[in-house]
Amino acid sequence: MGVAAFRLEKHEACAKLIEQFEAINEHFHEASTLLVDAAKIGTNEKLNAFLIARSKAYELMLKAKTQDMEIIRVTLDESIVDLSAVVEKIKSLAASRNAYVIAANEATDASDAIVKKE
């Protein structure tokens, strides 16, 4: 199957995935904002540090999911006609996404470590 045929066949499914990622990203952003807002009014330093660290993890995951959305968009981008160019763009976006996932996991671990501190 060529790139054009793939795009034609998978367009609707990809559009639905993009919508789902957009909803997921809204939830990550909302959760992050709520955590930051809670930390601003909180009086417990340890809890506030946890909330800020966890907010950072959510923002990084949002960035990772945005890269996933971009991967899907690249597969549908009719201006990229060469399959090797599509693959290279996807590889670049995937590497960026992976870096965000690693950073998000590290931020999650850091927030967990705050809670475990005596």
C-alpha atoms as a PDB file:
ATOM      1  CA  MET A   1       0.000   0.000   0.000  1.00  0.00           C
ATOM      2  CA  GLY A   2       1.380   3.399  -0.957  1.00  0.00           C
ATOM      3  CA  VAL A   3       1.370   6.519   1.170  1.00  0.00           C
ATOM      4  CA  ALA A   4      -1.604   8.049  -0.660  1.00  0.00           C
ATOM      5  CA  ALA A   5      -3.654   4.858  -0.369  1.00  0.00           C
ATOM      6  CA  PHE A   6      -2.805   4.556   3.326  1.00  0.00           C
ATOM      7  CA  ARG A   7      -3.866   8.146   3.949  1.00  0.00           C
ATOM      8  CA  LEU A   8      -7.143   7.620   2.147  1.00  0.00           C
ATOM      9  CA  GLU A   9      -7.897   4.385   3.973  1.00  0.00           C
ATOM     10  CA  LYS A  10      -6.826   5.522   7.453  1.00  0.00           C
ATOM     11  CA  HIS A  11      -7.901   9.182   7.386  1.00  0.00           C
ATOM     12  CA  GLU A  12     -11.052   8.740   9.461  1.00  0.00           C
ATOM     13  CA  ALA A  13      -9.353   6.536  12.080  1.00  0.00           C
ATOM     14  CA  CYS A  14      -6.450   8.981  12.348  1.00  0.00           C
ATOM     15  CA  ALA A  15      -8.833  11.922  12.730  1.00  0.00           C
ATOM     16  CA  LYS A  16     -10.553  10.117  15.615  1.00  0.00           C
ATOM     17  CA  LEU A  17      -7.187   9.437  17.259  1.00  0.00           C
ATOM     18  CA  ILE A  18      -6.243  13.087  16.996  1.00  0.00           C
ATOM     19  CA  GLU A  19      -9.530  14.036  18.685  1.00  0.00           C
ATOM     20  CA  GLN A  20      -8.806  11.571  21.486  1.00  0.00           C
ATOM     21  CA  PHE A  21      -5.286  12.925  21.983  1.00  0.00           C
ATOM     22  CA  GLU A  22      -6.685  16.467  22.085  1.00  0.00           C
ATOM     23  CA  ALA A  23      -9.086  15.420  24.861  1.00  0.00           C
ATOM     24  CA  ILE A  24      -6.285  13.661  26.738  1.00  0.00           C
ATOM     25  CA  ASN A  25      -4.110  16.759  26.460  1.00  0.00           C
ATOM     26  CA  GLU A  26      -6.915  18.936  27.817  1.00  0.00           C
ATOM     27  CA  HIS A  27      -7.138  16.639  30.858  1.00  0.00           C
ATOM     28  CA  PHE A  28      -3.370  16.693  31.455  1.00  0.00           C
ATOM     29  CA  HIS A  29      -3.347  20.484  31.178  1.00  0.00           C
ATOM     30  CA  GLU A  30      -6.337  20.877  33.471  1.00  0.00           C
ATOM     31  CA  ALA A  31      -4.833  18.515  36.053  1.00  0.00           C
ATOM     32  CA  SER A  32      -1.515  20.348  35.926  1.00  0.00           C
ATOM     33  CA  THR A  33      -3.209  23.722  36.374  1.00  0.00           C
ATOM     34  CA  LEU A  34      -5.273  22.447  39.309  1.00  0.00           C
ATOM     35  CA  LEU A  35      -2.158  21.124  41.027  1.00  0.00           C
ATOM     36  CA  VAL A  36      -0.328  24.423  40.621  1.00  0.00           C
ATOM     37  CA  ASP A  37      -3.372  26.325  41.890  1.00  0.00           C
ATOM     38  CA  ALA A  38      -3.605  24.029  44.911  1.00  0.00           C
ATOM     39  CA  ALA A  39       0.096  24.523  45.667  1.00  0.00           C
ATOM     40  CA  LYS A  40      -0.376  28.306  45.591  1.00  0.00           C
ATOM     41  CA  ILE A  41      -2.925  28.180  48.399  1.00  0.00           C
ATOM     42  CA  GLY A  42      -1.457  25.282  50.340  1.00  0.00           C
ATOM     43  CA  THR A  43       0.416  25.741  53.597  1.00  0.00           C
ATOM     44  CA  ASN A  44       2.210  22.407  53.733  1.00  0.00           C
ATOM     45  CA  GLU A  45       5.632  22.776  52.070  1.00  0.00           C
ATOM     46  CA  LYS A  46       6.038  19.063  51.417  1.00  0.00           C
ATOM     47  CA  LEU A  47       2.597  18.792  49.831  1.00  0.00           C
ATOM     48  CA  ASN A  48       3.171  21.927  47.762  1.00  0.00           C
ATOM     49  CA  ALA A  49       6.491  20.571  46.482  1.00  0.00           C
ATOM     50  CA  PHE A  50       4.764  17.315  45.551  1.00  0.00           C
ATOM     51  CA  LEU A  51       1.978  19.168  43.725  1.00  0.00           C
ATOM     52  CA  ILE A  52       4.423  21.272  41.712  1.00  0.00           C
ATOM     53  CA  ALA A  53       6.579  18.240  40.823  1.00  0.00           C
ATOM     54  CA  ARG A  54       3.540  16.221  39.774  1.00  0.00           C
ATOM     55  CA  SER A  55       2.272  19.171  37.740  1.00  0.00           C
ATOM     56  CA  LYS A  56       5.590  19.170  35.881  1.00  0.00           C
ATOM     57  CA  ALA A  57       5.158  15.460  35.141  1.00  0.00           C
ATOM     58  CA  TYR A  58       1.693  16.102  33.702  1.00  0.00           C
ATOM     59  CA  GLU A  59       2.943  18.965  31.528  1.00  0.00           C
ATOM     60  CA  LEU A  60       5.740  16.773  30.174  1.00  0.00           C
ATOM     61  CA  MET A  61       3.276  13.991  29.421  1.00  0.00           C
ATOM     62  CA  LEU A  62       1.101  16.527  27.632  1.00  0.00           C
ATOM     63  CA  LYS A  63       4.099  17.377  25.456  1.00  0.00           C
ATOM     64  CA  ALA A  64       4.686  13.678  24.769  1.00  0.00           C
ATOM     65  CA  LYS A  65       1.066  13.187  23.728  1.00  0.00           C
ATOM     66  CA  THR A  66       1.318  16.268  21.520  1.00  0.00           C
ATOM     67  CA  GLN A  67       4.197  14.564  19.715  1.00  0.00           C
ATOM     68  CA  ASP A  68       1.993  11.478  19.290  1.00  0.00           C
ATOM     69  CA  MET A  69      -0.641  13.698  17.693  1.00  0.00           C
ATOM     70  CA  GLU A  70       1.970  15.174  15.386  1.00  0.00           C
ATOM     71  CA  ILE A  71       3.054  11.686  14.328  1.00  0.00           C
ATOM     72  CA  ILE A  72      -0.509  10.986  13.272  1.00  0.00           C
ATOM     73  CA  ARG A  73      -0.739  14.322  11.467  1.00  0.00           C
ATOM     74  CA  VAL A  74       2.452  13.569   9.547  1.00  0.00           C
ATOM     75  CA  THR A  75       0.957  10.345   8.290  1.00  0.00           C
ATOM     76  CA  LEU A  76      -1.931  12.383   6.875  1.00  0.00           C
ATOM     77  CA  ASP A  77       0.135  15.312   5.569  1.00  0.00           C
ATOM     78  CA  GLU A  78      -0.317  15.233   1.811  1.00  0.00           C
ATOM     79  CA  SER A  79       2.488  17.741   1.320  1.00  0.00           C
ATOM     80  CA  ILE A  80       4.940  14.985   2.287  1.00  0.00           C
ATOM     81  CA  VAL A  81       4.762  12.633  -0.677  1.00  0.00           C
ATOM     82  CA  ASP A  82       7.946  10.633  -0.216  1.00  0.00           C
ATOM     83  CA  LEU A  83       7.593   7.667   2.167  1.00  0.00           C
ATOM     84  CA  SER A  84      11.184   8.035   3.391  1.00  0.00           C
ATOM     85  CA  ALA A  85      10.472  11.669   4.312  1.00  0.00           C
ATOM     86  CA  VAL A  86       7.393  10.549   6.261  1.00  0.00           C
ATOM     87  CA  VAL A  87       9.448   7.917   8.072  1.00  0.00           C
ATOM     88  CA  GLU A  88      12.233  10.388   8.934  1.00  0.00           C
ATOM     89  CA  LYS A  89       9.755  12.935  10.274  1.00  0.00           C
ATOM     90  CA  ILE A  90       8.049  10.230  12.363  1.00  0.00           C
ATOM     91  CA  LYS A  91      11.414   9.065  13.732  1.00  0.00           C
ATOM     92  CA  SER A  92      12.264  12.625  14.754  1.00  0.00           C
ATOM     93  CA  LEU A  93       8.890  13.148  16.446  1.00  0.00           C
ATOM     94  CA  ALA A  94       9.127   9.758  18.173  1.00  0.00           C
ATOM     95  CA  ALA A  95      12.565  10.618  19.557  1.00  0.00           C
ATOM     96  CA  SER A  96      11.196  13.882  20.914  1.00  0.00           C
ATOM     97  CA  ARG A  97       8.184  12.077  22.362  1.00  0.00           C
ATOM     98  CA  ASN A  98      10.414   9.485  24.010  1.00  0.00           C
ATOM     99  CA  ALA A  99      12.518  12.209  25.616  1.00  0.00           C
ATOM    100  CA  TYR A 100       9.372  13.814  27.041  1.00  0.00           C
ATOM    101  CA  VAL A 101       8.152  10.452  28.373  1.00  0.00           C
ATOM    102  CA  ILE A 102      11.493   9.845  30.103  1.00  0.00           C
ATOM    103  CA  ALA A 103      11.421  13.339  31.596  1.00  0.00           C
ATOM    104  CA  ALA A 104       7.800  12.859  32.709  1.00  0.00           C
ATOM    105  CA  ASN A 105       8.690   9.571  34.380  1.00  0.00           C
ATOM    106  CA  GLU A 106      11.623  11.241  36.132  1.00  0.00           C
ATOM    107  CA  ALA A 107       9.343  14.053  37.323  1.00  0.00           C
ATOM    108  CA  THR A 108       6.838  11.481  38.580  1.00  0.00           C
ATOM    109  CA  ASP A 109       9.613   9.668  40.444  1.00  0.00           C
ATOM    110  CA  ALA A 110      10.775  12.983  41.915  1.00  0.00           C
ATOM    111  CA  SER A 111       7.260  13.784  43.112  1.00  0.00           C
ATOM    112  CA  ASP A 112       6.941  10.310  44.625  1.00  0.00           C
ATOM    113  CA  ALA A 113      10.279  10.780  46.395  1.00  0.00           C
ATOM    114  CA  ILE A 114       8.998  13.993  47.985  1.00  0.00           C
ATOM    115  CA  VAL A 115       6.092  12.125  49.535  1.00  0.00           C
ATOM    116  CA  LYS A 116       8.353   9.327  50.794  1.00  0.00           C
ATOM    117  CA  LYS A 117      10.754  11.735  52.541  1.00  0.00           C
ATOM    118  CA  GLU A 118      10.431  11.819  56.302  1.00  0.00           C
END
